[in-house]
N, C-alpha and C. Protein backbone atom coordinates (compact mmCIF):
# COMPACT_ATOMS: atom_id res chain seq x y z
N MET A 1 -15.95 9.00 18.67
CA MET A 1 -15.40 9.34 17.37
C MET A 1 -15.55 8.15 16.43
N ALA A 2 -16.10 8.37 15.25
CA ALA A 2 -16.29 7.30 14.28
C ALA A 2 -14.95 6.92 13.65
N LEU A 3 -14.80 5.63 13.39
CA LEU A 3 -13.57 5.18 12.75
C LEU A 3 -13.57 5.62 11.30
N PRO A 4 -12.41 6.03 10.78
CA PRO A 4 -12.33 6.43 9.38
C PRO A 4 -12.56 5.21 8.49
N SER A 5 -12.98 5.46 7.27
CA SER A 5 -13.23 4.34 6.36
C SER A 5 -11.91 3.67 5.99
N THR A 6 -12.01 2.38 5.73
CA THR A 6 -10.84 1.61 5.31
C THR A 6 -10.27 2.19 4.04
N HIS A 7 -11.14 2.59 3.13
CA HIS A 7 -10.72 3.15 1.84
C HIS A 7 -9.93 4.44 2.03
N GLU A 8 -10.42 5.31 2.91
CA GLU A 8 -9.75 6.59 3.18
C GLU A 8 -8.35 6.38 3.73
N VAL A 9 -8.23 5.49 4.71
CA VAL A 9 -6.92 5.20 5.30
C VAL A 9 -6.00 4.58 4.26
N THR A 10 -6.51 3.65 3.47
CA THR A 10 -5.70 2.99 2.44
C THR A 10 -5.18 4.01 1.43
N GLN A 11 -6.03 4.94 1.00
CA GLN A 11 -5.60 5.97 0.05
C GLN A 11 -4.49 6.84 0.64
N LEU A 12 -4.64 7.22 1.88
CA LEU A 12 -3.62 8.04 2.53
C LEU A 12 -2.31 7.27 2.70
N LEU A 13 -2.40 6.00 3.04
CA LEU A 13 -1.20 5.18 3.18
C LEU A 13 -0.45 5.09 1.85
N LYS A 14 -1.18 4.87 0.78
CA LYS A 14 -0.54 4.76 -0.54
C LYS A 14 0.07 6.09 -0.96
N ALA A 15 -0.62 7.19 -0.65
CA ALA A 15 -0.06 8.52 -0.97
C ALA A 15 1.21 8.76 -0.16
N TRP A 16 1.19 8.36 1.11
CA TRP A 16 2.37 8.52 1.97
C TRP A 16 3.54 7.72 1.41
N THR A 17 3.25 6.49 0.94
CA THR A 17 4.28 5.63 0.37
C THR A 17 4.98 6.31 -0.80
N THR A 18 4.21 7.09 -1.57
CA THR A 18 4.80 7.76 -2.73
C THR A 18 5.50 9.06 -2.36
N GLY A 19 5.52 9.40 -1.05
CA GLY A 19 6.27 10.57 -0.60
C GLY A 19 5.43 11.78 -0.27
N ASP A 20 4.14 11.66 -0.27
CA ASP A 20 3.25 12.78 0.04
C ASP A 20 3.21 13.00 1.56
N GLU A 21 3.94 14.00 2.03
CA GLU A 21 4.02 14.28 3.47
C GLU A 21 2.69 14.79 4.02
N GLN A 22 1.89 15.45 3.20
CA GLN A 22 0.58 15.91 3.65
C GLN A 22 -0.33 14.72 3.95
N ALA A 23 -0.14 13.64 3.23
CA ALA A 23 -0.93 12.43 3.49
C ALA A 23 -0.63 11.91 4.88
N LEU A 24 0.64 11.96 5.28
CA LEU A 24 1.02 11.53 6.63
C LEU A 24 0.36 12.41 7.68
N GLU A 25 0.32 13.71 7.44
CA GLU A 25 -0.33 14.63 8.38
C GLU A 25 -1.82 14.34 8.52
N LYS A 26 -2.46 13.98 7.42
CA LYS A 26 -3.90 13.65 7.45
C LYS A 26 -4.13 12.27 8.06
N LEU A 27 -3.19 11.36 7.82
CA LEU A 27 -3.32 9.98 8.29
C LEU A 27 -3.17 9.86 9.80
N THR A 28 -2.23 10.61 10.36
CA THR A 28 -1.90 10.48 11.78
C THR A 28 -3.12 10.56 12.70
N PRO A 29 -3.95 11.59 12.62
CA PRO A 29 -5.09 11.63 13.54
C PRO A 29 -6.12 10.52 13.27
N LEU A 30 -6.15 10.02 12.03
CA LEU A 30 -7.11 8.97 11.70
C LEU A 30 -6.75 7.63 12.33
N VAL A 31 -5.45 7.34 12.42
CA VAL A 31 -5.03 6.03 12.95
C VAL A 31 -4.61 6.10 14.42
N TYR A 32 -4.37 7.31 14.92
CA TYR A 32 -3.87 7.44 16.29
C TYR A 32 -4.84 6.85 17.31
N VAL A 33 -6.12 7.12 17.17
CA VAL A 33 -7.10 6.63 18.14
C VAL A 33 -7.10 5.11 18.18
N GLN A 34 -7.08 4.47 17.01
CA GLN A 34 -7.08 3.01 17.00
C GLN A 34 -5.75 2.46 17.50
N LEU A 35 -4.64 3.10 17.16
CA LEU A 35 -3.35 2.66 17.70
C LEU A 35 -3.35 2.76 19.22
N HIS A 36 -3.93 3.82 19.75
CA HIS A 36 -4.01 4.00 21.19
C HIS A 36 -4.85 2.90 21.83
N ARG A 37 -5.96 2.53 21.19
CA ARG A 37 -6.80 1.44 21.71
C ARG A 37 -6.03 0.12 21.73
N VAL A 38 -5.31 -0.14 20.66
CA VAL A 38 -4.51 -1.37 20.58
C VAL A 38 -3.45 -1.37 21.68
N ALA A 39 -2.80 -0.24 21.86
CA ALA A 39 -1.76 -0.13 22.90
C ALA A 39 -2.37 -0.31 24.30
N GLN A 40 -3.55 0.27 24.52
CA GLN A 40 -4.23 0.09 25.81
C GLN A 40 -4.50 -1.38 26.07
N ARG A 41 -4.94 -2.07 25.03
CA ARG A 41 -5.21 -3.50 25.17
C ARG A 41 -3.93 -4.27 25.50
N CYS A 42 -2.86 -3.92 24.83
CA CYS A 42 -1.57 -4.57 25.10
C CYS A 42 -1.11 -4.28 26.52
N MET A 43 -1.30 -3.05 26.96
CA MET A 43 -0.84 -2.65 28.28
C MET A 43 -1.75 -3.13 29.40
N ALA A 44 -2.98 -3.53 29.08
CA ALA A 44 -3.93 -3.97 30.10
C ALA A 44 -3.40 -5.18 30.88
N GLY A 45 -2.63 -6.01 30.22
CA GLY A 45 -2.09 -7.19 30.88
C GLY A 45 -0.81 -6.93 31.65
N GLU A 46 -0.32 -5.71 31.61
CA GLU A 46 0.92 -5.38 32.29
C GLU A 46 0.66 -4.99 33.75
N ARG A 47 1.73 -4.95 34.53
CA ARG A 47 1.62 -4.53 35.93
C ARG A 47 1.15 -3.09 36.00
N SER A 48 0.49 -2.74 37.09
CA SER A 48 -0.01 -1.37 37.25
C SER A 48 1.13 -0.37 37.41
N ASP A 49 2.29 -0.83 37.87
CA ASP A 49 3.42 0.09 38.05
C ASP A 49 4.39 0.06 36.86
N HIS A 50 3.92 -0.47 35.74
CA HIS A 50 4.73 -0.54 34.53
C HIS A 50 5.18 0.86 34.15
N THR A 51 6.46 1.03 33.88
CA THR A 51 6.97 2.37 33.59
C THR A 51 6.71 2.80 32.16
N LEU A 52 6.40 1.88 31.27
CA LEU A 52 6.06 2.24 29.90
C LEU A 52 4.56 2.48 29.84
N GLN A 53 4.15 3.67 29.50
CA GLN A 53 2.74 4.03 29.46
C GLN A 53 2.19 3.85 28.05
N THR A 54 0.87 3.77 27.95
CA THR A 54 0.20 3.55 26.67
C THR A 54 0.59 4.59 25.63
N THR A 55 0.55 5.85 25.99
CA THR A 55 0.88 6.91 25.04
C THR A 55 2.33 6.80 24.59
N ALA A 56 3.22 6.44 25.49
CA ALA A 56 4.63 6.27 25.12
C ALA A 56 4.79 5.12 24.13
N LEU A 57 4.02 4.05 24.33
CA LEU A 57 4.07 2.92 23.40
C LEU A 57 3.59 3.35 22.01
N VAL A 58 2.48 4.07 21.96
CA VAL A 58 1.96 4.56 20.68
C VAL A 58 2.98 5.48 20.01
N ASN A 59 3.56 6.39 20.78
CA ASN A 59 4.54 7.32 20.22
C ASN A 59 5.76 6.59 19.68
N GLU A 60 6.21 5.57 20.39
CA GLU A 60 7.36 4.79 19.92
C GLU A 60 7.02 4.07 18.62
N VAL A 61 5.83 3.48 18.55
CA VAL A 61 5.39 2.83 17.31
C VAL A 61 5.35 3.84 16.18
N TYR A 62 4.76 5.00 16.44
CA TYR A 62 4.63 6.05 15.43
C TYR A 62 6.02 6.46 14.91
N LEU A 63 6.97 6.67 15.82
CA LEU A 63 8.32 7.07 15.40
C LEU A 63 8.96 6.01 14.52
N ARG A 64 8.77 4.77 14.87
CA ARG A 64 9.35 3.69 14.05
C ARG A 64 8.65 3.58 12.70
N LEU A 65 7.34 3.81 12.68
CA LEU A 65 6.61 3.75 11.41
C LEU A 65 7.03 4.87 10.47
N VAL A 66 7.22 6.07 11.02
CA VAL A 66 7.63 7.20 10.20
C VAL A 66 9.01 6.96 9.60
N ASP A 67 9.87 6.26 10.33
CA ASP A 67 11.21 5.95 9.83
C ASP A 67 11.22 4.84 8.78
N CYS A 68 10.13 4.09 8.67
CA CYS A 68 10.04 2.97 7.72
C CYS A 68 9.57 3.47 6.37
N LYS A 69 10.43 4.10 5.65
CA LYS A 69 10.06 4.67 4.35
C LYS A 69 9.97 3.60 3.25
N GLN A 70 10.62 2.46 3.44
CA GLN A 70 10.66 1.45 2.39
C GLN A 70 9.44 0.54 2.37
N ILE A 71 8.50 0.70 3.29
CA ILE A 71 7.31 -0.15 3.31
C ILE A 71 6.33 0.33 2.25
N ASN A 72 5.85 -0.60 1.45
CA ASN A 72 4.84 -0.31 0.44
C ASN A 72 3.50 -0.70 1.04
N TRP A 73 2.83 0.26 1.67
CA TRP A 73 1.58 -0.02 2.38
C TRP A 73 0.52 -0.51 1.41
N GLN A 74 -0.06 -1.68 1.74
CA GLN A 74 -1.10 -2.26 0.89
C GLN A 74 -2.47 -1.69 1.25
N ASP A 75 -2.75 -1.61 2.55
CA ASP A 75 -4.06 -1.14 3.00
C ASP A 75 -4.02 -0.92 4.50
N ARG A 76 -5.16 -0.55 5.05
CA ARG A 76 -5.30 -0.27 6.48
C ARG A 76 -4.92 -1.48 7.33
N ALA A 77 -5.37 -2.65 6.93
CA ALA A 77 -5.08 -3.87 7.68
C ALA A 77 -3.57 -4.14 7.72
N HIS A 78 -2.89 -3.91 6.60
CA HIS A 78 -1.45 -4.09 6.54
C HIS A 78 -0.75 -3.13 7.51
N PHE A 79 -1.21 -1.89 7.55
CA PHE A 79 -0.66 -0.89 8.46
C PHE A 79 -0.79 -1.35 9.91
N PHE A 80 -1.97 -1.82 10.29
CA PHE A 80 -2.17 -2.23 11.68
C PHE A 80 -1.45 -3.55 11.98
N ALA A 81 -1.24 -4.38 10.98
CA ALA A 81 -0.45 -5.60 11.18
C ALA A 81 1.00 -5.25 11.50
N VAL A 82 1.56 -4.32 10.73
CA VAL A 82 2.94 -3.87 10.99
C VAL A 82 3.01 -3.19 12.36
N SER A 83 2.00 -2.40 12.68
CA SER A 83 1.95 -1.73 13.99
C SER A 83 1.93 -2.75 15.11
N ALA A 84 1.16 -3.82 14.92
CA ALA A 84 1.08 -4.87 15.94
C ALA A 84 2.44 -5.52 16.16
N LYS A 85 3.13 -5.80 15.07
CA LYS A 85 4.46 -6.40 15.18
C LYS A 85 5.41 -5.46 15.92
N LEU A 86 5.34 -4.18 15.61
CA LEU A 86 6.19 -3.20 16.29
C LEU A 86 5.87 -3.12 17.78
N MET A 87 4.57 -3.11 18.13
CA MET A 87 4.20 -3.07 19.55
C MET A 87 4.74 -4.28 20.28
N ARG A 88 4.62 -5.44 19.64
CA ARG A 88 5.13 -6.66 20.26
C ARG A 88 6.63 -6.53 20.49
N ARG A 89 7.37 -6.08 19.48
CA ARG A 89 8.83 -5.95 19.63
C ARG A 89 9.19 -4.96 20.74
N ILE A 90 8.50 -3.83 20.78
CA ILE A 90 8.79 -2.81 21.78
C ILE A 90 8.54 -3.36 23.19
N LEU A 91 7.39 -4.00 23.38
CA LEU A 91 7.06 -4.54 24.70
C LEU A 91 8.02 -5.65 25.11
N ILE A 92 8.38 -6.51 24.17
CA ILE A 92 9.31 -7.60 24.48
C ILE A 92 10.69 -7.03 24.79
N ASP A 93 11.15 -6.09 23.97
CA ASP A 93 12.46 -5.47 24.24
C ASP A 93 12.47 -4.80 25.61
N PHE A 94 11.37 -4.12 25.93
CA PHE A 94 11.28 -3.45 27.23
C PHE A 94 11.30 -4.48 28.36
N ALA A 95 10.54 -5.57 28.19
CA ALA A 95 10.50 -6.61 29.23
C ALA A 95 11.87 -7.26 29.40
N ARG A 96 12.54 -7.53 28.30
CA ARG A 96 13.87 -8.14 28.39
C ARG A 96 14.88 -7.17 29.03
N SER A 97 14.77 -5.88 28.70
CA SER A 97 15.71 -4.93 29.29
C SER A 97 15.48 -4.82 30.79
N ARG A 98 14.23 -4.96 31.23
CA ARG A 98 13.93 -4.94 32.66
C ARG A 98 14.59 -6.15 33.33
N GLY A 99 14.57 -7.29 32.65
CA GLY A 99 15.23 -8.47 33.19
C GLY A 99 16.73 -8.28 33.28
N TYR A 100 17.30 -7.60 32.28
CA TYR A 100 18.73 -7.29 32.28
C TYR A 100 19.05 -6.38 33.45
N GLN A 101 18.23 -5.37 33.66
CA GLN A 101 18.46 -4.45 34.76
C GLN A 101 18.34 -5.16 36.10
N LYS A 102 17.41 -6.10 36.18
CA LYS A 102 17.22 -6.84 37.43
C LYS A 102 18.50 -7.61 37.79
N ARG A 103 19.17 -8.13 36.75
CA ARG A 103 20.36 -8.93 37.00
C ARG A 103 21.61 -8.07 37.19
N GLY A 104 21.44 -6.77 37.20
CA GLY A 104 22.60 -5.92 37.47
C GLY A 104 22.77 -4.86 36.42
N GLY A 105 22.95 -5.27 35.16
CA GLY A 105 23.13 -4.31 34.09
C GLY A 105 24.18 -3.28 34.45
N ALA A 106 23.87 -2.05 34.20
CA ALA A 106 24.79 -0.95 34.51
C ALA A 106 24.37 -0.24 35.79
N MET A 107 23.58 -0.90 36.60
CA MET A 107 23.06 -0.28 37.82
C MET A 107 24.14 -0.20 38.88
N PRO A 108 24.12 0.86 39.67
CA PRO A 108 25.10 0.96 40.76
C PRO A 108 24.83 -0.09 41.83
N ARG A 109 25.86 -0.51 42.51
CA ARG A 109 25.72 -1.52 43.55
C ARG A 109 25.07 -0.90 44.78
N MET A 110 24.31 -1.74 45.52
CA MET A 110 23.68 -1.27 46.74
C MET A 110 23.62 -2.42 47.74
N SER A 111 23.32 -2.08 48.96
CA SER A 111 23.26 -3.10 50.00
C SER A 111 21.97 -3.90 49.88
N LEU A 112 21.93 -5.06 50.51
CA LEU A 112 20.73 -5.89 50.49
C LEU A 112 19.55 -5.22 51.18
N GLU A 113 19.83 -4.36 52.16
CA GLU A 113 18.75 -3.67 52.85
C GLU A 113 18.03 -2.69 51.93
N GLU A 114 18.75 -2.11 50.97
CA GLU A 114 18.16 -1.14 50.05
C GLU A 114 17.42 -1.81 48.90
N ALA A 115 17.78 -3.02 48.57
CA ALA A 115 17.28 -3.69 47.37
C ALA A 115 15.77 -3.83 47.29
N PRO A 116 15.04 -4.23 48.33
CA PRO A 116 13.59 -4.41 48.16
C PRO A 116 12.85 -3.16 47.72
N SER A 117 13.36 -1.99 48.04
CA SER A 117 12.65 -0.76 47.69
C SER A 117 12.83 -0.37 46.23
N VAL A 118 13.80 -0.94 45.53
CA VAL A 118 14.03 -0.55 44.14
C VAL A 118 13.90 -1.70 43.15
N CYS A 119 13.70 -2.89 43.60
CA CYS A 119 13.66 -4.05 42.72
C CYS A 119 12.37 -4.06 41.89
N CYS A 120 12.53 -4.31 40.61
CA CYS A 120 11.37 -4.44 39.71
C CYS A 120 11.51 -5.76 38.97
N GLU A 121 10.46 -6.53 38.93
CA GLU A 121 10.48 -7.80 38.21
C GLU A 121 10.29 -7.55 36.72
N PRO A 122 10.94 -8.33 35.86
CA PRO A 122 10.69 -8.19 34.43
C PRO A 122 9.29 -8.71 34.11
N ASP A 123 8.79 -8.34 32.97
CA ASP A 123 7.47 -8.77 32.55
C ASP A 123 7.58 -10.21 32.02
N THR A 124 7.68 -11.15 32.97
CA THR A 124 7.95 -12.53 32.60
C THR A 124 6.83 -13.14 31.77
N ASN A 125 5.58 -12.75 32.01
CA ASN A 125 4.49 -13.31 31.23
C ASN A 125 4.62 -12.93 29.76
N LEU A 126 4.98 -11.69 29.49
CA LEU A 126 5.13 -11.23 28.12
C LEU A 126 6.32 -11.89 27.45
N VAL A 127 7.40 -12.02 28.16
CA VAL A 127 8.58 -12.69 27.62
C VAL A 127 8.26 -14.15 27.35
N ALA A 128 7.56 -14.80 28.27
CA ALA A 128 7.18 -16.21 28.07
C ALA A 128 6.25 -16.35 26.86
N LEU A 129 5.31 -15.42 26.71
CA LEU A 129 4.42 -15.46 25.55
C LEU A 129 5.22 -15.28 24.26
N ASP A 130 6.15 -14.35 24.26
CA ASP A 130 6.98 -14.15 23.07
C ASP A 130 7.78 -15.40 22.74
N ASP A 131 8.37 -16.01 23.76
CA ASP A 131 9.14 -17.25 23.53
C ASP A 131 8.23 -18.35 22.99
N ALA A 132 7.04 -18.48 23.55
CA ALA A 132 6.09 -19.49 23.08
C ALA A 132 5.65 -19.19 21.65
N LEU A 133 5.45 -17.92 21.32
CA LEU A 133 5.07 -17.56 19.95
C LEU A 133 6.18 -17.90 18.95
N LYS A 134 7.42 -17.75 19.37
CA LYS A 134 8.54 -18.11 18.50
C LYS A 134 8.54 -19.61 18.23
N VAL A 135 8.25 -20.40 19.27
CA VAL A 135 8.17 -21.85 19.09
C VAL A 135 6.99 -22.19 18.18
N LEU A 136 5.86 -21.54 18.41
CA LEU A 136 4.68 -21.78 17.55
C LEU A 136 4.99 -21.41 16.11
N ALA A 137 5.72 -20.32 15.89
CA ALA A 137 6.08 -19.90 14.53
C ALA A 137 6.91 -20.96 13.83
N ALA A 138 7.77 -21.64 14.60
CA ALA A 138 8.58 -22.71 14.01
C ALA A 138 7.71 -23.91 13.63
N VAL A 139 6.65 -24.14 14.40
CA VAL A 139 5.74 -25.26 14.15
C VAL A 139 4.71 -24.88 13.08
N ASP A 140 4.12 -23.70 13.23
CA ASP A 140 3.06 -23.25 12.32
C ASP A 140 3.08 -21.73 12.28
N GLU A 141 3.77 -21.19 11.29
CA GLU A 141 3.96 -19.74 11.21
C GLU A 141 2.64 -18.98 11.07
N ARG A 142 1.70 -19.53 10.31
CA ARG A 142 0.43 -18.82 10.11
C ARG A 142 -0.33 -18.64 11.42
N LYS A 143 -0.38 -19.67 12.24
CA LYS A 143 -1.07 -19.56 13.53
C LYS A 143 -0.39 -18.51 14.41
N SER A 144 0.93 -18.45 14.36
CA SER A 144 1.67 -17.45 15.12
C SER A 144 1.31 -16.04 14.64
N LYS A 145 1.19 -15.86 13.34
CA LYS A 145 0.83 -14.56 12.79
C LYS A 145 -0.60 -14.18 13.17
N VAL A 146 -1.49 -15.16 13.19
CA VAL A 146 -2.87 -14.90 13.61
C VAL A 146 -2.89 -14.37 15.04
N VAL A 147 -2.13 -15.00 15.93
CA VAL A 147 -2.07 -14.56 17.32
C VAL A 147 -1.50 -13.15 17.40
N GLU A 148 -0.42 -12.91 16.70
CA GLU A 148 0.20 -11.59 16.74
C GLU A 148 -0.76 -10.51 16.26
N LEU A 149 -1.45 -10.76 15.16
CA LEU A 149 -2.38 -9.77 14.63
C LEU A 149 -3.58 -9.55 15.54
N ARG A 150 -4.10 -10.64 16.09
CA ARG A 150 -5.29 -10.52 16.94
C ARG A 150 -4.93 -9.99 18.32
N PHE A 151 -3.89 -10.55 18.95
CA PHE A 151 -3.55 -10.18 20.32
C PHE A 151 -2.82 -8.85 20.39
N PHE A 152 -1.72 -8.72 19.65
CA PHE A 152 -0.92 -7.50 19.73
C PHE A 152 -1.48 -6.40 18.85
N GLY A 153 -2.08 -6.78 17.72
CA GLY A 153 -2.58 -5.77 16.79
C GLY A 153 -4.01 -5.37 16.99
N GLY A 154 -4.75 -6.19 17.73
CA GLY A 154 -6.15 -5.87 17.97
C GLY A 154 -7.01 -5.95 16.72
N LEU A 155 -6.52 -6.64 15.70
CA LEU A 155 -7.29 -6.75 14.46
C LEU A 155 -8.46 -7.71 14.66
N SER A 156 -9.53 -7.44 13.95
CA SER A 156 -10.69 -8.32 13.99
C SER A 156 -10.37 -9.59 13.20
N VAL A 157 -11.25 -10.55 13.30
CA VAL A 157 -11.09 -11.79 12.53
C VAL A 157 -11.06 -11.47 11.04
N GLU A 158 -11.96 -10.59 10.60
CA GLU A 158 -12.04 -10.22 9.19
C GLU A 158 -10.78 -9.51 8.72
N GLU A 159 -10.27 -8.58 9.53
CA GLU A 159 -9.05 -7.87 9.17
C GLU A 159 -7.85 -8.81 9.12
N THR A 160 -7.80 -9.73 10.06
CA THR A 160 -6.71 -10.72 10.08
C THR A 160 -6.77 -11.58 8.83
N ALA A 161 -7.97 -12.00 8.44
CA ALA A 161 -8.14 -12.80 7.22
C ALA A 161 -7.66 -12.01 6.00
N GLU A 162 -7.98 -10.71 5.98
CA GLU A 162 -7.58 -9.85 4.86
C GLU A 162 -6.06 -9.73 4.78
N VAL A 163 -5.41 -9.51 5.93
CA VAL A 163 -3.95 -9.36 5.95
C VAL A 163 -3.27 -10.64 5.50
N LEU A 164 -3.73 -11.77 6.01
CA LEU A 164 -3.07 -13.05 5.71
C LEU A 164 -3.57 -13.69 4.43
N LYS A 165 -4.61 -13.09 3.84
CA LYS A 165 -5.19 -13.61 2.60
C LYS A 165 -5.67 -15.06 2.76
N ILE A 166 -6.42 -15.27 3.86
CA ILE A 166 -7.04 -16.56 4.14
C ILE A 166 -8.50 -16.31 4.49
N SER A 167 -9.26 -17.37 4.62
CA SER A 167 -10.68 -17.21 4.94
C SER A 167 -10.89 -16.87 6.41
N VAL A 168 -12.05 -16.29 6.68
CA VAL A 168 -12.43 -15.97 8.06
C VAL A 168 -12.49 -17.25 8.89
N ALA A 169 -13.04 -18.32 8.30
CA ALA A 169 -13.14 -19.60 9.02
C ALA A 169 -11.75 -20.12 9.39
N THR A 170 -10.78 -19.94 8.52
CA THR A 170 -9.41 -20.39 8.81
C THR A 170 -8.81 -19.58 9.94
N VAL A 171 -9.07 -18.28 9.96
CA VAL A 171 -8.58 -17.43 11.06
C VAL A 171 -9.17 -17.90 12.38
N VAL A 172 -10.48 -18.13 12.40
CA VAL A 172 -11.14 -18.58 13.64
C VAL A 172 -10.54 -19.91 14.10
N ARG A 173 -10.37 -20.83 13.17
CA ARG A 173 -9.81 -22.15 13.52
C ARG A 173 -8.37 -22.00 14.03
N ASP A 174 -7.54 -21.22 13.31
CA ASP A 174 -6.15 -21.02 13.73
C ASP A 174 -6.08 -20.32 15.08
N TRP A 175 -6.93 -19.32 15.29
CA TRP A 175 -6.96 -18.57 16.55
C TRP A 175 -7.28 -19.51 17.71
N ASN A 176 -8.30 -20.33 17.55
CA ASN A 176 -8.69 -21.26 18.63
C ASN A 176 -7.61 -22.30 18.89
N LEU A 177 -7.05 -22.87 17.85
CA LEU A 177 -5.99 -23.87 18.03
C LEU A 177 -4.73 -23.25 18.65
N ALA A 178 -4.38 -22.04 18.19
CA ALA A 178 -3.19 -21.38 18.71
C ALA A 178 -3.35 -21.05 20.19
N LYS A 179 -4.54 -20.61 20.60
CA LYS A 179 -4.75 -20.29 22.02
C LYS A 179 -4.57 -21.54 22.88
N VAL A 180 -5.11 -22.66 22.43
CA VAL A 180 -4.96 -23.91 23.18
C VAL A 180 -3.49 -24.33 23.21
N TRP A 181 -2.82 -24.24 22.08
CA TRP A 181 -1.42 -24.63 21.98
C TRP A 181 -0.57 -23.75 22.90
N LEU A 182 -0.80 -22.43 22.85
CA LEU A 182 -0.02 -21.52 23.69
C LEU A 182 -0.28 -21.74 25.17
N LEU A 183 -1.52 -21.99 25.52
CA LEU A 183 -1.85 -22.26 26.93
C LEU A 183 -1.10 -23.50 27.42
N ARG A 184 -1.12 -24.55 26.61
CA ARG A 184 -0.39 -25.77 26.98
C ARG A 184 1.11 -25.50 27.08
N GLU A 185 1.66 -24.78 26.12
CA GLU A 185 3.09 -24.46 26.11
C GLU A 185 3.48 -23.62 27.32
N LEU A 186 2.67 -22.63 27.65
CA LEU A 186 2.98 -21.76 28.79
C LEU A 186 2.84 -22.52 30.11
N ASN A 187 1.85 -23.41 30.21
CA ASN A 187 1.69 -24.21 31.41
C ASN A 187 2.85 -25.18 31.61
N GLU A 188 3.37 -25.75 30.52
CA GLU A 188 4.51 -26.66 30.62
C GLU A 188 5.76 -25.93 31.09
N ARG A 189 5.87 -24.66 30.74
CA ARG A 189 7.04 -23.86 31.15
C ARG A 189 6.91 -23.37 32.58
N GLY A 190 5.71 -23.48 33.13
CA GLY A 190 5.51 -23.08 34.53
C GLY A 190 5.17 -21.63 34.62
């Protein structure tokens, strides 16, 4: 399936912003395929027994986007940037909730013999990445946004440059420096 034109998606987003519900109906199938690809990429790094599936992630993002009536969509890149941020939040919230459940949460008590069959580890890599991104944002917010757009949003270098209103060369430089910085930060945390 060919990707819809940037102009077509941007026009539909702007029409939706003004309250045109038919624009949302036309927009949904145009962006769903790419949202699904981005979600697949996000989920590729997760455990194979992860209970949150790609389609569920896309649906959750979609539900949150539909509820965001106050967003003034600028263009296709802006839409996917917001989608990337939502995917990151959903995955991090899910990973943190798994950690909460691991520590007891509202789960019923059971014997130690039963525990190995039901224990699930939280997505520590994703939580660690989120924590490292927060530290990077405090040091250099733009580099953190580049990582979020490229990693979680699946945006190209050109799309990232468009969203952040910086040059392609700056995106490439920030992306490379951020990857090295994050790798060092994650290695120091163990």
